[in-house]
């Protein structure tokens, strides 16, 4: 196989976008992310935006939700096609009269996948507004298997567990400054236990409820080494992930081969 084809299969260029968010203002946020990503054509394979990137972490779903053919989803489709890269981030989506904190995985060909946040943040009463998801998503892109999750999911290692031999574990978040230590340590733990690149994309600034965010957007390799972390400032960062190096590490230290098998039950299923 020609070396350039092999290199294309092994490497993934990922761009993290750490940003402030305009509270419950979709138009302002889409304009802002247009500006932040407009120079990325040909320079990246995957662009990751924060959780609820059009609104901030709002419980005002009835006023700010959109449908799956709404303006932000259309924006993601156009942006992905324009830049030739997957665009991923979560939105407030209304479907069938119910609201979801839904991660959209938009491909350049216009096809999309989605993941509904499973673990809803009860301290903010997220569960009183949104429906929890049931299904884990494994998206395949550029020869990589990628597992995208949302914020509070980070605290639940069984749900994050690498049972599917994924290569990249991805979290989008609105994770507040007062628990930033937990964010940084849990990302490292998830990378170590799953022997996968782990990327967490968070926001900065202050939201409409007065909560502060330092970001701490991080790229962590399969061994738990922090490759990149940025705090307190807006930032657009692109790095190259190597599947060849990760595969070599897994072969040398085959901890995943000894993992337990498990089955996930919802509360409704437990008698």
Protein backbone atom coordinates (compact mmCIF):
# COMPACT_ATOMS: atom_id res chain seq x y z
CA UNK A 1 0.00 0.00 0.00
CA UNK A 2 1.43 3.42 -0.91
CA UNK A 3 2.78 5.30 2.09
CA UNK A 4 0.56 8.35 1.53
CA UNK A 5 -2.60 6.18 1.65
CA UNK A 6 -1.40 4.45 4.81
CA UNK A 7 -0.67 7.81 6.43
CA UNK A 8 -4.15 9.07 5.49
CA UNK A 9 -5.69 6.05 7.22
CA UNK A 10 -3.56 6.34 10.36
CA UNK A 11 -3.75 10.06 11.13
CA UNK A 12 -6.69 12.23 12.09
CA UNK A 13 -6.60 16.02 12.27
CA UNK A 14 -8.92 17.27 15.00
CA UNK A 15 -9.78 20.89 15.76
CA UNK A 16 -11.13 21.94 19.16
CA UNK A 17 -13.02 25.23 19.47
CA UNK A 18 -13.07 26.70 22.99
CA UNK A 19 -15.27 29.77 23.05
CA UNK A 20 -17.55 32.03 25.00
CA UNK A 21 -21.25 31.61 24.15
CA UNK A 22 -23.91 34.24 23.66
CA UNK A 23 -26.72 33.34 26.06
CA UNK A 24 -29.72 31.90 24.20
CA UNK A 25 -28.77 33.74 21.00
CA UNK A 26 -28.47 31.29 18.14
CA UNK A 27 -27.75 33.85 15.42
CA UNK A 28 -24.92 35.49 17.35
CA UNK A 29 -23.32 32.13 18.15
CA UNK A 30 -23.52 30.85 14.56
CA UNK A 31 -21.95 34.08 13.29
CA UNK A 32 -19.19 33.75 15.90
CA UNK A 33 -18.41 30.13 14.98
CA UNK A 34 -18.42 31.07 11.31
CA UNK A 35 -15.62 33.51 12.05
CA UNK A 36 -13.67 31.08 14.23
CA UNK A 37 -13.72 28.24 11.67
CA UNK A 38 -13.58 30.01 8.30
CA UNK A 39 -9.82 29.44 7.80
CA UNK A 40 -9.95 25.68 8.44
CA UNK A 41 -10.68 24.39 4.93
CA UNK A 42 -8.18 21.68 4.03
CA UNK A 43 -6.55 21.89 7.46
CA UNK A 44 -8.65 19.53 9.55
CA UNK A 45 -10.82 16.39 9.43
CA UNK A 46 -13.00 16.99 12.49
CA UNK A 47 -14.17 20.23 14.15
CA UNK A 48 -15.59 19.98 17.68
CA UNK A 49 -17.79 22.67 19.23
CA UNK A 50 -18.98 22.81 22.87
CA UNK A 51 -22.20 21.46 24.38
CA UNK A 52 -25.31 23.54 23.48
CA UNK A 53 -23.09 25.71 21.32
CA UNK A 54 -25.97 27.87 20.03
CA UNK A 55 -27.46 28.77 23.43
CA UNK A 56 -25.31 27.94 26.43
CA UNK A 57 -26.54 25.41 29.00
CA UNK A 58 -30.15 26.58 29.02
CA UNK A 59 -33.21 24.95 30.55
CA UNK A 60 -35.42 27.32 28.53
CA UNK A 61 -35.88 24.65 25.87
CA UNK A 62 -39.36 25.64 24.73
CA UNK A 63 -38.10 29.08 23.69
CA UNK A 64 -34.78 28.15 22.04
CA UNK A 65 -35.12 24.58 20.71
CA UNK A 66 -35.08 23.78 17.03
CA UNK A 67 -36.05 20.76 14.95
CA UNK A 68 -33.71 18.52 13.01
CA UNK A 69 -34.17 20.70 9.92
CA UNK A 70 -33.66 23.90 11.91
CA UNK A 71 -31.22 26.77 11.25
CA UNK A 72 -28.29 25.47 13.30
CA UNK A 73 -28.50 21.99 11.78
CA UNK A 74 -28.59 23.58 8.32
CA UNK A 75 -25.62 25.71 9.31
CA UNK A 76 -23.68 22.59 10.37
CA UNK A 77 -24.48 20.92 7.04
CA UNK A 78 -23.27 23.92 5.05
CA UNK A 79 -20.18 24.40 7.22
CA UNK A 80 -19.18 20.73 7.01
CA UNK A 81 -19.52 20.74 3.21
CA UNK A 82 -17.63 24.03 2.91
CA UNK A 83 -14.70 22.89 5.07
CA UNK A 84 -14.61 19.23 4.01
CA UNK A 85 -14.64 18.11 7.64
CA UNK A 86 -17.06 16.61 10.13
CA UNK A 87 -18.59 19.24 12.42
CA UNK A 88 -19.77 18.01 15.84
CA UNK A 89 -21.45 19.73 18.78
CA UNK A 90 -24.66 19.54 20.79
CA UNK A 91 -27.89 21.50 20.33
CA UNK A 92 -31.28 21.79 21.98
CA UNK A 93 -33.57 19.77 19.71
CA UNK A 94 -37.34 19.35 19.82
CA UNK A 95 -38.74 16.14 18.41
CA UNK A 96 -42.22 14.76 18.89
CA UNK A 97 -43.01 17.33 21.56
CA UNK A 98 -39.98 16.34 23.65
CA UNK A 99 -36.63 18.07 24.11
CA UNK A 100 -33.17 16.56 23.77
CA UNK A 101 -29.61 17.69 24.46
CA UNK A 102 -28.48 16.20 21.15
CA UNK A 103 -25.02 15.94 19.69
CA UNK A 104 -25.08 16.28 15.91
CA UNK A 105 -22.34 14.54 13.93
CA UNK A 106 -22.44 16.20 10.51
CA UNK A 107 -20.45 14.83 7.58
CA UNK A 108 -19.36 16.79 4.49
CA UNK A 109 -21.70 14.72 2.29
CA UNK A 110 -24.66 16.05 4.29
CA UNK A 111 -25.38 12.82 6.15
CA UNK A 112 -25.65 13.10 9.92
CA UNK A 113 -25.68 10.92 12.99
CA UNK A 114 -26.80 11.96 16.45
CA UNK A 115 -26.37 11.08 20.09
CA UNK A 116 -28.77 12.12 22.86
CA UNK A 117 -27.12 12.83 26.21
CA UNK A 118 -27.72 9.85 28.45
CA UNK A 119 -26.73 11.27 31.84
CA UNK A 120 -28.75 14.41 32.50
CA UNK A 121 -27.36 16.78 35.11
CA UNK A 122 -29.84 16.49 37.95
CA UNK A 123 -28.17 19.26 40.02
CA UNK A 124 -29.32 21.72 37.33
CA UNK A 125 -32.64 19.84 36.91
CA UNK A 126 -31.74 19.00 33.34
CA UNK A 127 -33.77 15.80 33.68
CA UNK A 128 -36.93 17.85 34.22
CA UNK A 129 -36.60 19.46 30.78
CA UNK A 130 -34.84 16.95 28.56
CA UNK A 131 -35.30 13.29 27.67
CA UNK A 132 -32.32 11.01 28.33
CA UNK A 133 -30.81 9.09 25.45
CA UNK A 134 -30.55 5.30 25.44
CA UNK A 135 -28.09 4.53 22.66
CA UNK A 136 -24.35 5.00 22.42
CA UNK A 137 -22.99 6.26 19.11
CA UNK A 138 -19.84 5.00 17.41
CA UNK A 139 -19.14 7.12 14.33
CA UNK A 140 -16.63 6.00 11.70
CA UNK A 141 -14.60 8.67 9.93
CA UNK A 142 -11.32 8.61 8.04
CA UNK A 143 -10.71 5.04 9.19
CA UNK A 144 -11.28 5.94 12.85
CA UNK A 145 -13.99 4.77 15.25
CA UNK A 146 -15.11 7.70 17.40
CA UNK A 147 -17.38 7.75 20.46
CA UNK A 148 -18.92 11.20 21.10
CA UNK A 149 -20.48 11.87 24.52
CA UNK A 150 -21.77 14.94 26.37
CA UNK A 151 -20.50 16.65 29.55
CA UNK A 152 -21.96 14.82 32.61
CA UNK A 153 -21.44 11.49 30.80
CA UNK A 154 -17.77 11.94 31.74
CA UNK A 155 -18.52 10.95 35.35
CA UNK A 156 -19.84 7.51 34.35
CA UNK A 157 -17.03 5.15 33.32
CA UNK A 158 -19.27 2.19 32.48
CA UNK A 159 -21.12 4.21 29.82
CA UNK A 160 -17.80 5.52 28.47
CA UNK A 161 -16.15 2.08 28.49
CA UNK A 162 -14.37 1.04 25.33
CA UNK A 163 -16.41 -2.06 24.55
CA UNK A 164 -16.46 -1.23 20.83
CA UNK A 165 -12.69 -0.87 20.26
CA UNK A 166 -13.11 2.80 19.44
CA UNK A 167 -10.04 4.94 18.78
CA UNK A 168 -11.20 8.34 20.03
CA UNK A 169 -13.42 9.26 22.99
CA UNK A 170 -14.90 12.72 22.67
CA UNK A 171 -16.74 14.92 25.19
CA UNK A 172 -18.44 18.25 24.47
CA UNK A 173 -19.30 20.25 27.57
CA UNK A 174 -20.45 23.26 29.56
CA UNK A 175 -18.42 22.24 32.64
CA UNK A 176 -18.20 25.00 35.30
CA UNK A 177 -14.98 26.39 36.71
CA UNK A 178 -15.73 25.31 40.29
CA UNK A 179 -15.42 21.65 39.28
CA UNK A 180 -12.66 22.08 36.69
CA UNK A 181 -10.31 19.85 38.70
CA UNK A 182 -12.77 16.97 38.27
CA UNK A 183 -12.98 17.64 34.53
CA UNK A 184 -9.23 17.50 34.03
CA UNK A 185 -8.69 14.39 36.16
CA UNK A 186 -11.64 12.43 34.78
CA UNK A 187 -10.54 13.04 31.19
CA UNK A 188 -7.14 11.56 32.05
CA UNK A 189 -8.78 8.59 33.78
CA UNK A 190 -11.03 7.88 30.78
CA UNK A 191 -8.01 7.95 28.45
CA UNK A 192 -5.98 5.57 30.63
CA UNK A 193 -8.71 3.01 31.25
CA UNK A 194 -9.89 2.96 27.61
CA UNK A 195 -6.45 3.22 25.96
CA UNK A 196 -7.90 5.73 23.51
CA UNK A 197 -7.28 9.33 22.58
CA UNK A 198 -9.63 11.39 24.73
CA UNK A 199 -10.66 14.93 23.84
CA UNK A 200 -12.80 17.24 25.96
CA UNK A 201 -14.11 20.50 24.46
CA UNK A 202 -15.50 23.00 26.97
CA UNK A 203 -16.59 26.65 26.88
CA UNK A 204 -15.19 29.72 28.62
CA UNK A 205 -16.72 32.92 29.99
CA UNK A 206 -19.89 33.41 32.02
CA UNK A 207 -23.35 32.13 31.15
CA UNK A 208 -26.75 33.74 31.63
CA UNK A 209 -27.05 32.25 35.12
CA UNK A 210 -23.76 33.77 36.31
CA UNK A 211 -21.75 30.52 36.19
CA UNK A 212 -18.11 30.87 35.18
CA UNK A 213 -16.19 28.52 32.89
CA UNK A 214 -12.42 28.21 32.44
CA UNK A 215 -12.62 25.78 29.54
CA UNK A 216 -9.66 23.45 30.12
CA UNK A 217 -10.27 21.98 26.68
CA UNK A 218 -7.88 19.04 26.52
CA UNK A 219 -6.33 16.53 24.15
CA UNK A 220 -5.06 13.44 25.96
CA UNK A 221 -3.35 10.48 24.37
CA UNK A 222 -4.05 6.75 24.82
CA UNK A 223 -1.57 6.54 27.75
CA UNK A 224 -3.08 9.42 29.71
CA UNK A 225 -0.48 11.99 28.68
CA UNK A 226 -1.91 15.51 28.33
CA UNK A 227 -0.95 16.62 24.83
CA UNK A 228 -2.74 19.96 25.06
CA UNK A 229 -4.81 21.90 27.58
CA UNK A 230 -5.94 25.52 27.43
CA UNK A 231 -7.59 27.45 30.26
CA UNK A 232 -9.37 30.78 30.53
CA UNK A 233 -9.20 31.98 26.94
CA UNK A 234 -10.92 31.47 23.62
CA UNK A 235 -8.91 29.08 21.49
CA UNK A 236 -8.98 27.18 18.20
CA UNK A 237 -6.44 24.36 18.16
CA UNK A 238 -5.69 21.64 15.60
CA UNK A 239 -3.55 18.60 16.29
CA UNK A 240 -2.71 15.32 14.60
CA UNK A 241 -3.68 12.01 16.20
CA UNK A 242 -1.76 8.87 15.20
CA UNK A 243 -3.56 5.55 15.06
CA UNK A 244 -0.25 3.77 14.40
CA UNK A 245 1.23 4.97 17.69
CA UNK A 246 -1.93 4.11 19.60
CA UNK A 247 -2.09 0.62 18.09
CA UNK A 248 1.55 -0.01 19.01
CA UNK A 249 0.87 1.06 22.59
CA UNK A 250 -2.17 -1.22 22.83
CA UNK A 251 -0.23 -4.17 21.46
CA UNK A 252 2.57 -3.64 23.97
CA UNK A 253 0.21 -3.17 26.93
CA UNK A 254 -2.94 -5.10 26.07
CA UNK A 255 -5.06 -4.06 29.06
CA UNK A 256 -8.17 -3.88 26.91
CA UNK A 257 -7.86 -7.59 26.25
CA UNK A 258 -8.61 -8.22 29.93
CA UNK A 259 -11.63 -5.91 30.18
CA UNK A 260 -14.86 -7.13 31.73
CA UNK A 261 -17.96 -7.65 29.66
CA UNK A 262 -20.93 -5.68 30.91
CA UNK A 263 -24.52 -4.88 30.10
CA UNK A 264 -26.21 -1.51 30.62
CA UNK A 265 -29.65 -1.42 32.23
CA UNK A 266 -31.93 1.59 32.47
CA UNK A 267 -33.65 2.26 35.77
CA UNK A 268 -36.92 1.19 34.22
CA UNK A 269 -35.44 -2.22 33.43
CA UNK A 270 -34.34 -2.93 36.99
CA UNK A 271 -37.02 -4.79 38.96
